[in-house]
Amino acid sequence: MFQIGDVVKLNSGGPAMTVTQLGLTHGRVECMWFDCEGNLKTAFVHARALQKVAG
């Protein structure tokens, strides 16, 4: 569904994030993004809660 490097966002909106790891348990992927202050953030998100950003 996703590949490392894909730009995604939550189905409910939010910032653009980059997929950084796949194959985690329970269908989760790791995503990274920069917050509004420029800090790098990471989160583990279920793949079904994400959609690719057009581009």
C-alpha atoms as a PDB file:
ATOM      1  CA  MET A   1       0.000   0.000   0.000  1.00  0.00           C
ATOM      2  CA  PHE A   2       2.695   2.517   1.027  1.00  0.00           C
ATOM      3  CA  GLN A   3       6.416   2.647   0.375  1.00  0.00           C
ATOM      4  CA  ILE A   4       9.191   4.266   2.378  1.00  0.00           C
ATOM      5  CA  GLY A   5       9.420   7.882   1.265  1.00  0.00           C
ATOM      6  CA  ASP A   6       5.729   8.270   0.417  1.00  0.00           C
ATOM      7  CA  VAL A   7       4.180  11.519   1.580  1.00  0.00           C
ATOM      8  CA  VAL A   8       0.961  10.861   3.473  1.00  0.00           C
ATOM      9  CA  LYS A   9      -1.514  12.532   5.784  1.00  0.00           C
ATOM     10  CA  LEU A  10      -4.162  11.351   8.188  1.00  0.00           C
ATOM     11  CA  ASN A  11      -7.561  10.720   6.651  1.00  0.00           C
ATOM     12  CA  SER A  12      -8.858  13.363   9.066  1.00  0.00           C
ATOM     13  CA  GLY A  13      -6.279  15.959   7.916  1.00  0.00           C
ATOM     14  CA  GLY A  14      -3.161  17.341   9.532  1.00  0.00           C
ATOM     15  CA  PRO A  15       0.404  17.880   8.325  1.00  0.00           C
ATOM     16  CA  ALA A  16       2.108  16.067   5.479  1.00  0.00           C
ATOM     17  CA  MET A  17       4.240  13.214   6.832  1.00  0.00           C
ATOM     18  CA  THR A  18       6.867  10.935   5.284  1.00  0.00           C
ATOM     19  CA  VAL A  19       6.647   7.155   5.662  1.00  0.00           C
ATOM     20  CA  THR A  20       9.931   6.001   7.217  1.00  0.00           C
ATOM     21  CA  GLN A  21       9.296   2.375   8.203  1.00  0.00           C
ATOM     22  CA  LEU A  22       6.952  -0.395   7.061  1.00  0.00           C
ATOM     23  CA  GLY A  23       6.060  -3.866   8.234  1.00  0.00           C
ATOM     24  CA  LEU A  24       5.400  -2.995  11.844  1.00  0.00           C
ATOM     25  CA  THR A  25       2.936  -4.986  13.893  1.00  0.00           C
ATOM     26  CA  HIS A  26      -0.820  -4.553  13.571  1.00  0.00           C
ATOM     27  CA  GLY A  27      -0.628  -2.749  10.203  1.00  0.00           C
ATOM     28  CA  ARG A  28       1.164   0.292  11.549  1.00  0.00           C
ATOM     29  CA  VAL A  29       3.721   2.389   9.694  1.00  0.00           C
ATOM     30  CA  GLU A  30       6.172   4.903  11.113  1.00  0.00           C
ATOM     31  CA  CYS A  31       5.790   8.486   9.900  1.00  0.00           C
ATOM     32  CA  MET A  32       7.943  11.581  10.404  1.00  0.00           C
ATOM     33  CA  TRP A  33       7.144  15.277   9.944  1.00  0.00           C
ATOM     34  CA  PHE A  34       8.257  18.706  11.085  1.00  0.00           C
ATOM     35  CA  ASP A  35       5.973  20.627  13.431  1.00  0.00           C
ATOM     36  CA  CYS A  36       5.292  24.365  13.052  1.00  0.00           C
ATOM     37  CA  GLU A  37       8.430  25.140  15.088  1.00  0.00           C
ATOM     38  CA  GLY A  38      10.682  22.976  12.909  1.00  0.00           C
ATOM     39  CA  ASN A  39      10.997  20.084  15.368  1.00  0.00           C
ATOM     40  CA  LEU A  40      11.141  16.580  13.900  1.00  0.00           C
ATOM     41  CA  LYS A  41       8.268  14.395  15.138  1.00  0.00           C
ATOM     42  CA  THR A  42       7.563  10.683  14.694  1.00  0.00           C
ATOM     43  CA  ALA A  43       4.478   8.550  15.189  1.00  0.00           C
ATOM     44  CA  PHE A  44       3.307   5.025  14.530  1.00  0.00           C
ATOM     45  CA  VAL A  45       0.018   5.146  12.629  1.00  0.00           C
ATOM     46  CA  HIS A  46      -2.239   2.393  11.309  1.00  0.00           C
ATOM     47  CA  ALA A  47      -2.049   2.304   7.506  1.00  0.00           C
ATOM     48  CA  ARG A  48      -5.838   2.483   7.202  1.00  0.00           C
ATOM     49  CA  ALA A  49      -5.792   5.909   8.863  1.00  0.00           C
ATOM     50  CA  LEU A  50      -3.477   7.325   6.155  1.00  0.00           C
ATOM     51  CA  GLN A  51      -3.819   8.486   2.572  1.00  0.00           C
ATOM     52  CA  LYS A  52      -1.151   9.463   0.052  1.00  0.00           C
ATOM     53  CA  VAL A  53      -0.726  13.151  -0.664  1.00  0.00           C
ATOM     54  CA  ALA A  54      -1.051  13.962  -4.359  1.00  0.00           C
ATOM     55  CA  GLY A  55       2.148  15.119  -5.903  1.00  0.00           C
END
